[in-house]
Structure formats: structure tokens, C-alpha cells
PDB file of N, CA and C in Angstrom:
ATOM      1  N   MET A   1      67.922  83.086  85.646  1.00  0.00           N
ATOM      2  CA  MET A   1      68.775  84.170  85.261  1.00  0.00           C
ATOM      3  C   MET A   1      70.225  83.739  85.407  1.00  0.00           C
ATOM      4  N   LYS A   2      71.011  84.008  84.399  1.00  0.00           N
ATOM      5  CA  LYS A   2      72.412  83.643  84.424  1.00  0.00           C
ATOM      6  C   LYS A   2      73.252  84.918  84.450  1.00  0.00           C
ATOM      7  N   LEU A   3      74.176  84.967  85.391  1.00  0.00           N
ATOM      8  CA  LEU A   3      75.042  86.126  85.503  1.00  0.00           C
ATOM      9  C   LEU A   3      76.217  86.006  84.544  1.00  0.00           C
ATOM     10  N   SER A   4      76.637  87.131  84.039  1.00  0.00           N
ATOM     11  CA  SER A   4      77.786  87.106  83.148  1.00  0.00           C
ATOM     12  C   SER A   4      79.072  86.931  83.961  1.00  0.00           C
ATOM     13  N   ARG A   5      80.100  86.505  83.300  1.00  0.00           N
ATOM     14  CA  ARG A   5      81.373  86.265  83.939  1.00  0.00           C
ATOM     15  C   ARG A   5      81.994  87.583  84.419  1.00  0.00           C
ATOM     16  N   ARG A   6      82.655  87.532  85.556  1.00  0.00           N
ATOM     17  CA  ARG A   6      83.307  88.729  86.082  1.00  0.00           C
ATOM     18  C   ARG A   6      84.460  89.145  85.177  1.00  0.00           C
ATOM     19  N   GLY A   7      84.648  90.446  85.102  1.00  0.00           N
ATOM     20  CA  GLY A   7      85.770  90.968  84.333  1.00  0.00           C
ATOM     21  C   GLY A   7      87.025  91.039  85.170  1.00  0.00           C
ATOM     22  N   LYS A   8      88.087  91.505  84.574  1.00  0.00           N
ATOM     23  CA  LYS A   8      89.346  91.672  85.289  1.00  0.00           C
ATOM     24  C   LYS A   8      89.222  92.834  86.264  1.00  0.00           C
ATOM     25  N   SER A   9      89.965  92.727  87.350  1.00  0.00           N
ATOM     26  CA  SER A   9      89.999  93.815  88.311  1.00  0.00           C
ATOM     27  C   SER A   9      90.647  95.037  87.666  1.00  0.00           C
ATOM     28  N   ILE A  10      90.023  96.187  87.823  1.00  0.00           N
ATOM     29  CA  ILE A  10      90.574  97.402  87.227  1.00  0.00           C
ATOM     30  C   ILE A  10      91.304  98.254  88.256  1.00  0.00           C
ATOM     31  N   LEU A  11      91.309  97.818  89.515  1.00  0.00           N
ATOM     32  CA  LEU A  11      91.993  98.570  90.555  1.00  0.00           C
ATOM     33  C   LEU A  11      93.495  98.389  90.398  1.00  0.00           C
ATOM     34  N   LYS A  12      94.195  99.466  90.086  1.00  0.00           N
ATOM     35  CA  LYS A  12      95.635  99.393  89.908  1.00  0.00           C
ATOM     36  C   LYS A  12      96.373 100.219  90.945  1.00  0.00           C
ATOM     37  N   VAL A  13      95.679 101.115  91.605  1.00  0.00           N
ATOM     38  CA  VAL A  13      96.321 101.950  92.611  1.00  0.00           C
ATOM     39  C   VAL A  13      95.349 102.186  93.760  1.00  0.00           C
ATOM     40  N   GLU A  14      95.914 102.160  94.988  1.00  0.00           N
ATOM     41  CA  GLU A  14      95.083 102.357  96.171  1.00  0.00           C
ATOM     42  C   GLU A  14      95.910 103.045  97.258  1.00  0.00           C
ATOM     43  N   VAL A  15      95.346 104.064  97.859  1.00  0.00           N
ATOM     44  CA  VAL A  15      95.973 104.689  99.022  1.00  0.00           C
ATOM     45  C   VAL A  15      95.588 103.829 100.215  1.00  0.00           C
ATOM     46  N   GLN A  16      96.585 103.208 100.846  1.00  0.00           N
ATOM     47  CA  GLN A  16      96.308 102.288 101.938  1.00  0.00           C
ATOM     48  C   GLN A  16      96.293 102.958 103.300  1.00  0.00           C
ATOM     49  N   ASN A  17      97.110 104.011 103.446  1.00  0.00           N
ATOM     50  CA  ASN A  17      97.160 104.676 104.741  1.00  0.00           C
ATOM     51  C   ASN A  17      97.744 106.078 104.555  1.00  0.00           C
ATOM     52  N   ILE A  18      97.278 106.988 105.389  1.00  0.00           N
ATOM     53  CA  ILE A  18      97.837 108.335 105.441  1.00  0.00           C
ATOM     54  C   ILE A  18      98.189 108.597 106.902  1.00  0.00           C
ATOM     55  N   SER A  19      99.478 108.823 107.146  1.00  0.00           N
ATOM     56  CA  SER A  19      99.928 109.085 108.514  1.00  0.00           C
ATOM     57  C   SER A  19     100.475 110.505 108.600  1.00  0.00           C
ATOM     58  N   LYS A  20     100.970 110.887 109.757  1.00  0.00           N
ATOM     59  CA  LYS A  20     101.545 112.221 109.892  1.00  0.00           C
ATOM     60  C   LYS A  20     102.890 112.333 109.183  1.00  0.00           C
ATOM     61  N   HIS A  21     103.427 111.199 108.734  1.00  0.00           N
ATOM     62  CA  HIS A  21     104.721 111.182 108.054  1.00  0.00           C
ATOM     63  C   HIS A  21     104.612 111.072 106.536  1.00  0.00           C
ATOM     64  N   GLY A  22     103.491 110.541 106.050  1.00  0.00           N
ATOM     65  CA  GLY A  22     103.356 110.381 104.602  1.00  0.00           C
ATOM     66  C   GLY A  22     102.216 109.458 104.217  1.00  0.00           C
ATOM     67  N   ILE A  23     102.322 108.941 103.004  1.00  0.00           N
ATOM     68  CA  ILE A  23     101.252 108.150 102.395  1.00  0.00           C
ATOM     69  C   ILE A  23     101.776 106.770 102.034  1.00  0.00           C
ATOM     70  N   TRP A  24     101.000 105.738 102.371  1.00  0.00           N
ATOM     71  CA  TRP A  24     101.281 104.385 101.906  1.00  0.00           C
ATOM     72  C   TRP A  24     100.399 104.136 100.700  1.00  0.00           C
ATOM     73  N   LEU A  25     101.043 103.768  99.600  1.00  0.00           N
ATOM     74  CA  LEU A  25     100.356 103.611  98.322  1.00  0.00           C
ATOM     75  C   LEU A  25     100.637 102.218  97.780  1.00  0.00           C
ATOM     76  N   TYR A  26      99.594 101.542  97.318  1.00  0.00           N
ATOM     77  CA  TYR A  26      99.740 100.233  96.677  1.00  0.00           C
ATOM     78  C   TYR A  26      99.410 100.404  95.204  1.00  0.00           C
ATOM     79  N   ALA A  27     100.391 100.110  94.347  1.00  0.00           N
ATOM     80  CA  ALA A  27     100.189 100.297  92.914  1.00  0.00           C
ATOM     81  C   ALA A  27     100.851  99.169  92.130  1.00  0.00           C
ATOM     82  N   SER A  28     100.100  98.573  91.240  1.00  0.00           N
ATOM     83  CA  SER A  28     100.597  97.518  90.348  1.00  0.00           C
ATOM     84  C   SER A  28     101.387  96.444  91.085  1.00  0.00           C
ATOM     85  N   GLY A  29     100.856  96.003  92.226  1.00  0.00           N
ATOM     86  CA  GLY A  29     101.459  94.899  92.961  1.00  0.00           C
ATOM     87  C   GLY A  29     102.599  95.271  93.894  1.00  0.00           C
ATOM     88  N   THR A  30     102.890  96.550  94.050  1.00  0.00           N
ATOM     89  CA  THR A  30     103.987  96.996  94.901  1.00  0.00           C
ATOM     90  C   THR A  30     103.502  98.073  95.859  1.00  0.00           C
ATOM     91  N   GLU A  31     104.040  98.048  97.077  1.00  0.00           N
ATOM     92  CA  GLU A  31     103.688  99.054  98.068  1.00  0.00           C
ATOM     93  C   GLU A  31     104.788 100.118  98.120  1.00  0.00           C
ATOM     94  N   TYR A  32     104.375 101.384  98.169  1.00  0.00           N
ATOM     95  CA  TYR A  32     105.303 102.509  98.197  1.00  0.00           C
ATOM     96  C   TYR A  32     104.965 103.405  99.374  1.00  0.00           C
ATOM     97  N   PHE A  33     106.003 104.059  99.920  1.00  0.00           N
ATOM     98  CA  PHE A  33     105.792 105.071 100.944  1.00  0.00           C
ATOM     99  C   PHE A  33     106.238 106.406 100.378  1.00  0.00           C
ATOM    100  N   LEU A  34     105.354 107.370 100.373  1.00  0.00           N
ATOM    101  CA  LEU A  34     105.643 108.718  99.897  1.00  0.00           C
ATOM    102  C   LEU A  34     105.670 109.631 101.115  1.00  0.00           C
ATOM    103  N   SER A  35     106.864 109.980 101.562  1.00  0.00           N
ATOM    104  CA  SER A  35     106.974 110.834 102.750  1.00  0.00           C
ATOM    105  C   SER A  35     106.591 112.265 102.383  1.00  0.00           C
ATOM    106  N   PHE A  36     106.026 112.965 103.345  1.00  0.00           N
ATOM    107  CA  PHE A  36     105.672 114.365 103.121  1.00  0.00           C
ATOM    108  C   PHE A  36     106.929 115.216 102.926  1.00  0.00           C
ATOM    109  N   LYS A  37     108.045 114.768 103.472  1.00  0.00           N
ATOM    110  CA  LYS A  37     109.307 115.494 103.284  1.00  0.00           C
ATOM    111  C   LYS A  37     109.724 115.455 101.814  1.00  0.00           C
ATOM    112  N   ASP A  38     109.604 114.284 101.196  1.00  0.00           N
ATOM    113  CA  ASP A  38     110.009 114.134  99.795  1.00  0.00           C
ATOM    114  C   ASP A  38     108.913 114.528  98.805  1.00  0.00           C
ATOM    115  N   TYR A  39     107.669 114.442  99.222  1.00  0.00           N
ATOM    116  CA  TYR A  39     106.521 114.757  98.364  1.00  0.00           C
ATOM    117  C   TYR A  39     105.626 115.768  99.083  1.00  0.00           C
ATOM    118  N   PRO A  40     106.079 117.018  99.207  1.00  0.00           N
ATOM    119  CA  PRO A  40     105.366 118.023 100.015  1.00  0.00           C
ATOM    120  C   PRO A  40     103.997 118.415  99.464  1.00  0.00           C
ATOM    121  N   TRP A  41     103.698 118.095  98.220  1.00  0.00           N
ATOM    122  CA  TRP A  41     102.418 118.472  97.609  1.00  0.00           C
ATOM    123  C   TRP A  41     101.241 117.823  98.329  1.00  0.00           C
ATOM    124  N   PHE A  42     101.495 116.705  99.004  1.00  0.00           N
ATOM    125  CA  PHE A  42     100.419 115.979  99.666  1.00  0.00           C
ATOM    126  C   PHE A  42     100.175 116.434 101.101  1.00  0.00           C
ATOM    127  N   LYS A  43     101.116 117.146 101.689  1.00  0.00           N
ATOM    128  CA  LYS A  43     101.030 117.477 103.123  1.00  0.00           C
ATOM    129  C   LYS A  43      99.780 118.275 103.478  1.00  0.00           C
ATOM    130  N   GLN A  44      99.425 119.273 102.699  1.00  0.00           N
ATOM    131  CA  GLN A  44      98.268 120.103 103.008  1.00  0.00           C
ATOM    132  C   GLN A  44      97.004 119.671 102.253  1.00  0.00           C
ATOM    133  N   ALA A  45      97.106 118.613 101.461  1.00  0.00           N
ATOM    134  CA  ALA A  45      95.948 118.146 100.688  1.00  0.00           C
ATOM    135  C   ALA A  45      94.941 117.435 101.599  1.00  0.00           C
ATOM    136  N   SER A  46      93.691 117.486 101.217  1.00  0.00           N
ATOM    137  CA  SER A  46      92.656 116.792 101.988  1.00  0.00           C
ATOM    138  C   SER A  46      92.768 115.286 101.755  1.00  0.00           C
ATOM    139  N   ILE A  47      92.213 114.533 102.675  1.00  0.00           N
ATOM    140  CA  ILE A  47      92.231 113.076 102.556  1.00  0.00           C
ATOM    141  C   ILE A  47      91.530 112.636 101.282  1.00  0.00           C
ATOM    142  N   SER A  48      90.405 113.231 100.981  1.00  0.00           N
ATOM    143  CA  SER A  48      89.673 112.831  99.770  1.00  0.00           C
ATOM    144  C   SER A  48      90.465 113.167  98.509  1.00  0.00           C
ATOM    145  N   SER A  49      91.223 114.248  98.520  1.00  0.00           N
ATOM    146  CA  SER A  49      92.057 114.599  97.361  1.00  0.00           C
ATOM    147  C   SER A  49      93.192 113.603  97.174  1.00  0.00           C
ATOM    148  N   ILE A  50      93.776 113.158  98.270  1.00  0.00           N
ATOM    149  CA  ILE A  50      94.860 112.175  98.194  1.00  0.00           C
ATOM    150  C   ILE A  50      94.325 110.826  97.728  1.00  0.00           C
ATOM    151  N   GLN A  51      93.144 110.464  98.195  1.00  0.00           N
ATOM    152  CA  GLN A  51      92.565 109.175  97.813  1.00  0.00           C
ATOM    153  C   GLN A  51      92.060 109.155  96.373  1.00  0.00           C
ATOM    154  N   ASN A  52      91.847 110.308  95.793  1.00  0.00           N
ATOM    155  CA  ASN A  52      91.380 110.376  94.409  1.00  0.00           C
ATOM    156  C   ASN A  52      92.582 110.301  93.468  1.00  0.00           C
ATOM    157  N   VAL A  53      93.100 109.101  93.300  1.00  0.00           N
ATOM    158  CA  VAL A  53      94.267 108.868  92.445  1.00  0.00           C
ATOM    159  C   VAL A  53      93.884 107.869  91.358  1.00  0.00           C
ATOM    160  N   LYS A  54      94.402 108.094  90.176  1.00  0.00           N
ATOM    161  CA  LYS A  54      94.128 107.220  89.042  1.00  0.00           C
ATOM    162  C   LYS A  54      95.444 106.730  88.461  1.00  0.00           C
ATOM    163  N   CYS A  55      95.437 105.501  87.974  1.00  0.00           N
ATOM    164  CA  CYS A  55      96.607 104.946  87.307  1.00  0.00           C
ATOM    165  C   CYS A  55      96.326 104.973  85.812  1.00  0.00           C
ATOM    166  N   LEU A  56      97.100 105.752  85.088  1.00  0.00           N
ATOM    167  CA  LEU A  56      96.920 105.890  83.651  1.00  0.00           C
ATOM    168  C   LEU A  56      97.999 105.095  82.922  1.00  0.00           C
ATOM    169  N   PHE A  57      97.599 104.329  81.962  1.00  0.00           N
ATOM    170  CA  PHE A  57      98.511 103.547  81.116  1.00  0.00           C
ATOM    171  C   PHE A  57      99.352 102.557  81.900  1.00  0.00           C
ATOM    172  N   GLY A  58      98.965 102.247  83.133  1.00  0.00           N
ATOM    173  CA  GLY A  58      99.681 101.271  83.941  1.00  0.00           C
ATOM    174  C   GLY A  58     100.992 101.760  84.534  1.00  0.00           C
ATOM    175  N   VAL A  59     101.398 102.995  84.244  1.00  0.00           N
ATOM    176  CA  VAL A  59     102.688 103.491  84.731  1.00  0.00           C
ATOM    177  C   VAL A  59     102.642 104.916  85.273  1.00  0.00           C
ATOM    178  N   HIS A  60     101.527 105.577  85.112  1.00  0.00           N
ATOM    179  CA  HIS A  60     101.422 107.003  85.435  1.00  0.00           C
ATOM    180  C   HIS A  60     100.343 107.213  86.497  1.00  0.00           C
ATOM    181  N   LEU A  61     100.715 107.825  87.621  1.00  0.00           N
ATOM    182  CA  LEU A  61      99.753 108.120  88.682  1.00  0.00           C
ATOM    183  C   LEU A  61      99.340 109.580  88.577  1.00  0.00           C
ATOM    184  N   HIS A  62      98.039 109.819  88.698  1.00  0.00           N
ATOM    185  CA  HIS A  62      97.508 111.174  88.535  1.00  0.00           C
ATOM    186  C   HIS A  62      96.519 111.483  89.650  1.00  0.00           C
ATOM    187  N   TRP A  63      96.762 112.584  90.353  1.00  0.00           N
ATOM    188  CA  TRP A  63      95.857 113.112  91.375  1.00  0.00           C
ATOM    189  C   TRP A  63      95.224 114.374  90.798  1.00  0.00           C
ATOM    190  N   PRO A  64      94.041 114.285  90.212  1.00  0.00           N
ATOM    191  CA  PRO A  64      93.443 115.443  89.542  1.00  0.00           C
ATOM    192  C   PRO A  64      93.082 116.594  90.484  1.00  0.00           C
ATOM    193  N   ASP A  65      92.706 116.301  91.710  1.00  0.00           N
ATOM    194  CA  ASP A  65      92.291 117.355  92.637  1.00  0.00           C
ATOM    195  C   ASP A  65      93.435 118.260  93.069  1.00  0.00           C
ATOM    196  N   ILE A  66      94.649 117.724  93.100  1.00  0.00           N
ATOM    197  CA  ILE A  66      95.792 118.527  93.550  1.00  0.00           C
ATOM    198  C   ILE A  66      96.835 118.701  92.443  1.00  0.00           C
ATOM    199  N   ASP A  67      96.500 118.266  91.249  1.00  0.00           N
ATOM    200  CA  ASP A  67      97.342 118.450  90.060  1.00  0.00           C
ATOM    201  C   ASP A  67      98.761 117.912  90.261  1.00  0.00           C
ATOM    202  N   VAL A  68      98.844 116.650  90.698  1.00  0.00           N
ATOM    203  CA  VAL A  68     100.126 115.982  90.890  1.00  0.00           C
ATOM    204  C   VAL A  68     100.169 114.771  89.973  1.00  0.00           C
ATOM    205  N   ASP A  69     101.310 114.601  89.299  1.00  0.00           N
ATOM    206  CA  ASP A  69     101.534 113.462  88.413  1.00  0.00           C
ATOM    207  C   ASP A  69     102.874 112.831  88.763  1.00  0.00           C
ATOM    208  N   LEU A  70     102.895 111.501  88.900  1.00  0.00           N
ATOM    209  CA  LEU A  70     104.124 110.771  89.186  1.00  0.00           C
ATOM    210  C   LEU A  70     104.172 109.515  88.329  1.00  0.00           C
ATOM    211  N   GLU A  71     105.350 109.159  87.895  1.00  0.00           N
ATOM    212  CA  GLU A  71     105.562 107.901  87.205  1.00  0.00           C
ATOM    213  C   GLU A  71     105.890 106.838  88.254  1.00  0.00           C
ATOM    214  N   LEU A  72     105.393 105.620  88.075  1.00  0.00           N
ATOM    215  CA  LEU A  72     105.697 104.551  89.023  1.00  0.00           C
ATOM    216  C   LEU A  72     107.196 104.300  89.110  1.00  0.00           C
ATOM    217  N   GLU A  73     107.889 104.424  88.002  1.00  0.00           N
ATOM    218  CA  GLU A  73     109.333 104.197  88.006  1.00  0.00           C
ATOM    219  C   GLU A  73     110.045 105.204  88.907  1.00  0.00           C
ATOM    220  N   SER A  74     109.511 106.417  89.006  1.00  0.00           N
ATOM    221  CA  SER A  74     110.133 107.421  89.878  1.00  0.00           C
ATOM    222  C   SER A  74     109.987 107.048  91.354  1.00  0.00           C
ATOM    223  N   LEU A  75     109.002 106.221  91.679  1.00  0.00           N
ATOM    224  CA  LEU A  75     108.835 105.766  93.060  1.00  0.00           C
ATOM    225  C   LEU A  75     109.759 104.596  93.369  1.00  0.00           C
ATOM    226  N   SER A  76     109.999 103.734  92.380  1.00  0.00           N
ATOM    227  CA  SER A  76     110.865 102.585  92.608  1.00  0.00           C
ATOM    228  C   SER A  76     112.344 102.913  92.401  1.00  0.00           C
ATOM    229  N   GLU A  77     112.647 103.914  91.589  1.00  0.00           N
ATOM    230  CA  GLU A  77     114.026 104.345  91.318  1.00  0.00           C
ATOM    231  C   GLU A  77     114.148 105.859  91.509  1.00  0.00           C
ATOM    232  N   PRO A  78     113.999 106.360  92.733  1.00  0.00           N
ATOM    233  CA  PRO A  78     113.950 107.813  92.949  1.00  0.00           C
ATOM    234  C   PRO A  78     115.243 108.557  92.590  1.00  0.00           C
ATOM    235  N   LYS A  79     116.389 107.895  92.629  1.00  0.00           N
ATOM    236  CA  LYS A  79     117.647 108.580  92.310  1.00  0.00           C
ATOM    237  C   LYS A  79     117.700 109.025  90.851  1.00  0.00           C
ATOM    238  N   GLY A  80     116.970 108.352  89.991  1.00  0.00           N
ATOM    239  CA  GLY A  80     116.933 108.721  88.584  1.00  0.00           C
ATOM    240  C   GLY A  80     115.973 109.853  88.268  1.00  0.00           C
ATOM    241  N   TYR A  81     115.204 110.266  89.280  1.00  0.00           N
ATOM    242  CA  TYR A  81     114.189 111.307  89.092  1.00  0.00           C
ATOM    243  C   TYR A  81     114.300 112.337  90.214  1.00  0.00           C
ATOM    244  N   PRO A  82     115.263 113.251  90.121  1.00  0.00           N
ATOM    245  CA  PRO A  82     115.385 114.254  91.200  1.00  0.00           C
ATOM    246  C   PRO A  82     114.144 115.150  91.236  1.00  0.00           C
ATOM    247  N   LEU A  83     113.701 115.466  92.441  1.00  0.00           N
ATOM    248  CA  LEU A  83     112.508 116.290  92.602  1.00  0.00           C
ATOM    249  C   LEU A  83     112.825 117.777  92.495  1.00  0.00           C
ATOM    250  N   VAL A  84     114.106 118.114  92.581  1.00  0.00           N
ATOM    251  CA  VAL A  84     114.513 119.514  92.495  1.00  0.00           C
ATOM    252  C   VAL A  84     115.400 119.669  91.273  1.00  0.00           C
ATOM    253  N   TYR A  85     115.066 120.623  90.440  1.00  0.00           N
ATOM    254  CA  TYR A  85     115.856 120.883  89.241  1.00  0.00           C
ATOM    255  C   TYR A  85     117.170 121.528  89.640  1.00  0.00           C
ATOM    256  N   SER A  86     118.282 121.003  89.113  1.00  0.00           N
ATOM    257  CA  SER A  86     119.580 121.599  89.465  1.00  0.00           C
ATOM    258  C   SER A  86     120.265 122.188  88.251  1.00  0.00           C
TER     259      SER A  86
END
């Protein structure tokens, strides 16, 4: 029996740690920290809801259980993406 060749890794986003201060997220080769102060939607969410994150189109993070969507660019350049409408 011959096994077929392995495909490319499809893992693009991973929640690495959840602390009392926020979430450590690894996405597309970069590690991000999302503090609960800046991202309050995650503070009351369950661990399984936070871990259920998908990377869409390589640039869009989606948490379907808590209805949160973030662009990766907003994590690397937060000043360009204010969280409060003024």
C-alpha cells in the first residue's frame, strides 16, 4: 500500500492561550495579543467559543459562536481601525 503525498497545512489561525488579561492568537505566521480591555466581546465568551475561530481568505478572522469578525490588518495596525465610532 502506498500513501498519498501530504497536502499543505490548512491551519492558519490558532488560539494559543487565554489568560485573565486576554487572548494570545497565532495567525498567518504572526502572534497577536487581544486584550479583553480592547476586545471586550471575548471576556464573557466560553473557551470553546473563543477557540472556534476560522481564517477566511487569509485575512479575515471569524468567530461564529460569538459573532465576531476581525481583519488581520486591524490587529497589526490598530490605529487605522478604531474600535469606537466617533
